Amino acid sequence: MTYETDRVPLTASDIVAANKRHKKIFNDRLNSIIREAFMHKFQKQMAEFDVEPMKEAPKPCPFCGATDLIVTEISNHHAVICYDHCQAEGPWMDTEEEAVEAWNRREEST
């Protein structure tokens, strides 16, 4: 089946392809709007807590090299843990910053 639009013949596959392009453009724009709204709300909530970013990030795990480490808290003590990989654990300290500093302050392998 062929359709005439402004004297340009279109086939059904042309229409399907155009619909796919428009759907992708629409979904990309919708995702962008949702992401912007989420970030705006997140930033607003974080401002209410007056949270300062960590001064120093944990170095990669010295045992397995993982970089997705967590700083956890138990009973007001903090430690860096290689949770998803080798389970290495840094010393337990009073603050997150002290825990990260202790994790990063180690002998480098030679």
N, C-alpha and C. Protein backbone atom coordinates (compact mmCIF):
# COMPACT_ATOMS: atom_id res chain seq x y z
N MET A 1 0.85 -1.17 0.00
CA MET A 1 0.00 0.00 0.00
C MET A 1 0.89 1.23 0.00
N THR A 2 0.55 2.23 -0.78
CA THR A 2 1.31 3.47 -0.89
C THR A 2 0.39 4.64 -0.59
N TYR A 3 0.90 5.62 0.19
CA TYR A 3 0.15 6.81 0.53
C TYR A 3 0.80 8.01 -0.14
N GLU A 4 -0.03 8.97 -0.55
CA GLU A 4 0.48 10.20 -1.17
C GLU A 4 0.43 11.31 -0.12
N THR A 5 1.56 11.91 0.17
CA THR A 5 1.64 13.02 1.10
C THR A 5 2.46 14.10 0.43
N ASP A 6 1.81 15.22 0.11
CA ASP A 6 2.48 16.32 -0.59
C ASP A 6 3.24 15.78 -1.81
N ARG A 7 2.61 14.91 -2.53
CA ARG A 7 3.12 14.33 -3.77
C ARG A 7 4.36 13.45 -3.58
N VAL A 8 4.65 13.04 -2.33
CA VAL A 8 5.76 12.12 -2.08
C VAL A 8 5.14 10.78 -1.70
N PRO A 9 5.36 9.76 -2.48
CA PRO A 9 4.77 8.47 -2.14
C PRO A 9 5.45 7.86 -0.92
N LEU A 10 4.65 7.39 0.03
CA LEU A 10 5.16 6.74 1.24
C LEU A 10 4.67 5.31 1.28
N THR A 11 5.56 4.42 1.66
CA THR A 11 5.16 3.03 1.83
C THR A 11 4.89 2.78 3.31
N ALA A 12 4.30 1.65 3.61
CA ALA A 12 4.02 1.30 5.00
C ALA A 12 5.32 1.21 5.80
N SER A 13 6.38 0.70 5.18
CA SER A 13 7.66 0.60 5.90
C SER A 13 8.23 1.98 6.20
N ASP A 14 8.01 2.97 5.31
CA ASP A 14 8.44 4.35 5.58
C ASP A 14 7.72 4.90 6.81
N ILE A 15 6.43 4.61 6.89
CA ILE A 15 5.63 5.11 8.02
C ILE A 15 6.08 4.44 9.31
N VAL A 16 6.33 3.14 9.27
CA VAL A 16 6.79 2.42 10.46
C VAL A 16 8.14 2.97 10.92
N ALA A 17 9.05 3.19 9.98
CA ALA A 17 10.37 3.73 10.32
C ALA A 17 10.25 5.12 10.93
N ALA A 18 9.39 5.96 10.37
CA ALA A 18 9.19 7.31 10.90
C ALA A 18 8.60 7.23 12.31
N ASN A 19 7.66 6.33 12.53
CA ASN A 19 7.07 6.17 13.85
C ASN A 19 8.12 5.74 14.87
N LYS A 20 9.01 4.84 14.47
CA LYS A 20 10.07 4.40 15.39
C LYS A 20 10.99 5.56 15.75
N ARG A 21 11.35 6.38 14.73
CA ARG A 21 12.21 7.54 15.00
C ARG A 21 11.53 8.52 15.95
N HIS A 22 10.26 8.80 15.70
CA HIS A 22 9.51 9.73 16.54
C HIS A 22 9.36 9.17 17.96
N LYS A 23 9.12 7.88 18.07
CA LYS A 23 8.98 7.26 19.39
C LYS A 23 10.29 7.38 20.16
N LYS A 24 11.43 7.13 19.49
CA LYS A 24 12.73 7.24 20.17
C LYS A 24 12.98 8.68 20.61
N ILE A 25 12.70 9.64 19.74
CA ILE A 25 12.88 11.05 20.09
C ILE A 25 12.01 11.41 21.29
N PHE A 26 10.75 10.97 21.25
CA PHE A 26 9.81 11.23 22.36
C PHE A 26 10.32 10.60 23.65
N ASN A 27 10.72 9.32 23.60
CA ASN A 27 11.20 8.63 24.80
C ASN A 27 12.47 9.27 25.35
N ASP A 28 13.39 9.67 24.46
CA ASP A 28 14.61 10.33 24.91
C ASP A 28 14.29 11.64 25.62
N ARG A 29 13.38 12.42 25.05
CA ARG A 29 13.00 13.70 25.65
C ARG A 29 12.27 13.48 26.98
N LEU A 30 11.38 12.50 27.02
CA LEU A 30 10.65 12.20 28.26
C LEU A 30 11.62 11.77 29.35
N ASN A 31 12.57 10.90 29.02
CA ASN A 31 13.57 10.46 29.99
C ASN A 31 14.41 11.64 30.48
N SER A 32 14.73 12.55 29.58
CA SER A 32 15.49 13.74 29.96
C SER A 32 14.69 14.60 30.95
N ILE A 33 13.41 14.78 30.69
CA ILE A 33 12.56 15.58 31.57
C ILE A 33 12.44 14.92 32.94
N ILE A 34 12.26 13.61 32.95
CA ILE A 34 12.16 12.88 34.22
C ILE A 34 13.46 12.98 35.00
N ARG A 35 14.59 12.81 34.30
CA ARG A 35 15.90 12.88 34.95
C ARG A 35 16.12 14.28 35.54
N GLU A 36 15.77 15.33 34.79
CA GLU A 36 15.94 16.70 35.28
C GLU A 36 15.07 16.95 36.50
N ALA A 37 13.82 16.46 36.46
CA ALA A 37 12.91 16.64 37.60
C ALA A 37 13.44 15.90 38.82
N PHE A 38 13.94 14.69 38.63
CA PHE A 38 14.49 13.92 39.75
C PHE A 38 15.70 14.64 40.35
N MET A 39 16.61 15.10 39.50
CA MET A 39 17.81 15.77 40.00
C MET A 39 17.46 17.05 40.74
N HIS A 40 16.46 17.79 40.22
CA HIS A 40 16.04 19.02 40.90
C HIS A 40 15.51 18.69 42.29
N LYS A 41 14.65 17.66 42.36
CA LYS A 41 14.09 17.26 43.65
C LYS A 41 15.19 16.74 44.58
N PHE A 42 16.11 15.95 44.05
CA PHE A 42 17.21 15.39 44.84
C PHE A 42 18.08 16.52 45.40
N GLN A 43 18.44 17.48 44.55
CA GLN A 43 19.28 18.59 45.00
C GLN A 43 18.58 19.42 46.06
N LYS A 44 17.28 19.60 45.89
CA LYS A 44 16.50 20.36 46.87
C LYS A 44 16.48 19.62 48.22
N GLN A 45 16.29 18.30 48.18
CA GLN A 45 16.28 17.53 49.42
C GLN A 45 17.65 17.53 50.08
N MET A 46 18.72 17.42 49.29
CA MET A 46 20.06 17.41 49.87
C MET A 46 20.38 18.76 50.49
N ALA A 47 19.88 19.84 49.90
CA ALA A 47 20.12 21.17 50.46
C ALA A 47 19.46 21.29 51.83
N GLU A 48 18.33 20.61 52.03
CA GLU A 48 17.67 20.65 53.32
C GLU A 48 18.51 20.00 54.41
N PHE A 49 19.29 18.98 54.04
CA PHE A 49 20.13 18.28 55.01
C PHE A 49 21.46 18.98 55.23
N ASP A 50 21.80 19.92 54.38
CA ASP A 50 23.07 20.64 54.47
C ASP A 50 24.24 19.66 54.50
N VAL A 51 24.23 18.75 53.53
CA VAL A 51 25.25 17.71 53.45
C VAL A 51 26.43 18.22 52.63
N GLU A 52 27.62 18.04 53.16
CA GLU A 52 28.82 18.41 52.42
C GLU A 52 29.37 17.17 51.73
N PRO A 53 29.87 17.30 50.52
CA PRO A 53 30.46 16.14 49.86
C PRO A 53 31.73 15.70 50.58
N MET A 54 32.05 14.42 50.43
CA MET A 54 33.26 13.90 51.06
C MET A 54 34.47 14.62 50.48
N LYS A 55 35.42 14.95 51.33
CA LYS A 55 36.62 15.65 50.89
C LYS A 55 37.51 14.74 50.05
N GLU A 56 37.49 13.46 50.37
CA GLU A 56 38.39 12.52 49.72
C GLU A 56 37.63 11.23 49.43
N ALA A 57 37.81 10.71 48.25
CA ALA A 57 37.16 9.44 47.89
C ALA A 57 38.09 8.29 48.24
N PRO A 58 37.51 7.12 48.56
CA PRO A 58 38.37 5.96 48.84
C PRO A 58 39.16 5.54 47.60
N LYS A 59 40.42 5.17 47.81
CA LYS A 59 41.23 4.62 46.73
C LYS A 59 40.69 3.24 46.37
N PRO A 60 41.03 2.73 45.18
CA PRO A 60 40.59 1.37 44.82
C PRO A 60 41.08 0.35 45.84
N CYS A 61 40.36 -0.76 45.91
CA CYS A 61 40.71 -1.83 46.85
C CYS A 61 42.12 -2.35 46.55
N PRO A 62 42.98 -2.46 47.58
CA PRO A 62 44.35 -2.93 47.34
C PRO A 62 44.41 -4.43 47.04
N PHE A 63 43.34 -5.15 47.30
CA PHE A 63 43.35 -6.60 47.11
C PHE A 63 42.79 -7.02 45.76
N CYS A 64 41.66 -6.40 45.36
CA CYS A 64 41.03 -6.81 44.09
C CYS A 64 40.95 -5.69 43.07
N GLY A 65 41.25 -4.45 43.46
CA GLY A 65 41.23 -3.33 42.53
C GLY A 65 39.86 -2.71 42.30
N ALA A 66 38.83 -3.17 43.01
CA ALA A 66 37.47 -2.63 42.82
C ALA A 66 37.43 -1.15 43.20
N THR A 67 36.60 -0.41 42.49
CA THR A 67 36.47 1.02 42.78
C THR A 67 35.10 1.38 43.36
N ASP A 68 34.14 0.46 43.31
CA ASP A 68 32.80 0.74 43.83
C ASP A 68 32.70 0.31 45.30
N LEU A 69 33.42 1.04 46.14
CA LEU A 69 33.49 0.75 47.56
C LEU A 69 32.40 1.51 48.29
N ILE A 70 32.04 1.04 49.48
CA ILE A 70 31.04 1.74 50.28
C ILE A 70 31.65 2.15 51.60
N VAL A 71 31.14 3.24 52.15
CA VAL A 71 31.49 3.65 53.51
C VAL A 71 30.26 3.36 54.33
N THR A 72 30.38 2.46 55.29
CA THR A 72 29.22 2.04 56.07
C THR A 72 29.35 2.51 57.51
N GLU A 73 28.23 2.53 58.21
CA GLU A 73 28.21 2.96 59.60
C GLU A 73 27.48 1.91 60.44
N ILE A 74 28.10 1.53 61.53
CA ILE A 74 27.46 0.65 62.51
C ILE A 74 27.79 1.21 63.89
N SER A 75 26.77 1.47 64.66
CA SER A 75 26.94 1.99 66.02
C SER A 75 27.87 3.19 66.08
N ASN A 76 27.63 4.14 65.19
CA ASN A 76 28.40 5.39 65.13
C ASN A 76 29.88 5.20 64.81
N HIS A 77 30.22 4.09 64.19
CA HIS A 77 31.58 3.86 63.70
C HIS A 77 31.49 3.60 62.20
N HIS A 78 32.49 4.09 61.46
CA HIS A 78 32.48 4.04 60.01
C HIS A 78 33.67 3.25 59.48
N ALA A 79 33.46 2.58 58.34
CA ALA A 79 34.55 1.86 57.69
C ALA A 79 34.30 1.78 56.20
N VAL A 80 35.37 1.71 55.43
CA VAL A 80 35.28 1.49 53.98
C VAL A 80 35.29 -0.03 53.78
N ILE A 81 34.36 -0.50 52.95
CA ILE A 81 34.24 -1.94 52.71
C ILE A 81 34.15 -2.20 51.21
N CYS A 82 34.86 -3.20 50.74
CA CYS A 82 34.77 -3.67 49.36
C CYS A 82 33.65 -4.72 49.33
N TYR A 83 32.43 -4.24 49.45
CA TYR A 83 31.27 -5.08 49.74
C TYR A 83 30.95 -6.09 48.64
N ASP A 84 30.93 -5.66 47.39
CA ASP A 84 30.49 -6.53 46.30
C ASP A 84 31.59 -7.42 45.73
N HIS A 85 32.80 -7.31 46.25
CA HIS A 85 33.89 -8.05 45.63
C HIS A 85 34.60 -8.93 46.66
N CYS A 86 35.73 -8.50 47.19
CA CYS A 86 36.56 -9.37 48.04
C CYS A 86 36.26 -9.24 49.53
N GLN A 87 35.34 -8.37 49.91
CA GLN A 87 34.92 -8.17 51.30
C GLN A 87 36.01 -7.55 52.19
N ALA A 88 37.04 -6.95 51.59
CA ALA A 88 38.07 -6.28 52.39
C ALA A 88 37.41 -5.16 53.19
N GLU A 89 37.94 -4.92 54.37
CA GLU A 89 37.35 -3.95 55.28
C GLU A 89 38.44 -3.09 55.89
N GLY A 90 38.23 -1.78 55.87
CA GLY A 90 39.20 -0.87 56.48
C GLY A 90 38.96 -0.76 57.97
N PRO A 91 39.80 -0.02 58.66
CA PRO A 91 39.63 0.14 60.10
C PRO A 91 38.36 0.94 60.42
N TRP A 92 37.74 0.63 61.56
CA TRP A 92 36.53 1.32 62.00
C TRP A 92 36.93 2.60 62.71
N MET A 93 36.35 3.72 62.25
CA MET A 93 36.72 5.04 62.78
C MET A 93 35.46 5.77 63.23
N ASP A 94 35.65 6.94 63.86
CA ASP A 94 34.53 7.71 64.39
C ASP A 94 33.74 8.46 63.32
N THR A 95 34.39 8.85 62.21
CA THR A 95 33.71 9.59 61.15
C THR A 95 33.99 8.96 59.80
N GLU A 96 33.15 9.31 58.81
CA GLU A 96 33.38 8.82 57.44
C GLU A 96 34.73 9.29 56.92
N GLU A 97 35.04 10.56 57.17
CA GLU A 97 36.29 11.12 56.67
C GLU A 97 37.49 10.38 57.25
N GLU A 98 37.45 10.08 58.54
CA GLU A 98 38.55 9.34 59.17
C GLU A 98 38.66 7.93 58.58
N ALA A 99 37.51 7.31 58.30
CA ALA A 99 37.52 5.96 57.73
C ALA A 99 38.15 5.97 56.34
N VAL A 100 37.81 6.97 55.53
CA VAL A 100 38.37 7.07 54.18
C VAL A 100 39.86 7.38 54.26
N GLU A 101 40.25 8.29 55.15
CA GLU A 101 41.68 8.61 55.31
C GLU A 101 42.46 7.37 55.73
N ALA A 102 41.91 6.59 56.66
CA ALA A 102 42.59 5.38 57.12
C ALA A 102 42.69 4.35 55.99
N TRP A 103 41.63 4.22 55.18
CA TRP A 103 41.64 3.30 54.04
C TRP A 103 42.70 3.71 53.03
N ASN A 104 42.78 5.00 52.78
CA ASN A 104 43.72 5.52 51.77
C ASN A 104 45.17 5.55 52.28
N ARG A 105 45.36 5.54 53.58
CA ARG A 105 46.69 5.61 54.17
C ARG A 105 47.22 4.19 54.37
N ARG A 106 47.79 3.65 53.34
CA ARG A 106 48.29 2.28 53.40
C ARG A 106 49.55 2.18 52.56
N GLU A 107 50.30 1.16 52.79
CA GLU A 107 51.51 0.91 52.03
C GLU A 107 51.15 0.49 50.62
N GLU A 108 51.73 1.13 49.64
CA GLU A 108 51.52 0.75 48.25
C GLU A 108 52.38 -0.45 47.91
N SER A 109 51.83 -1.40 47.18
CA SER A 109 52.59 -2.58 46.77
C SER A 109 53.67 -2.18 45.77
N THR A 110 54.83 -2.81 45.87
CA THR A 110 55.90 -2.50 44.93
C THR A 110 56.30 -3.73 44.15
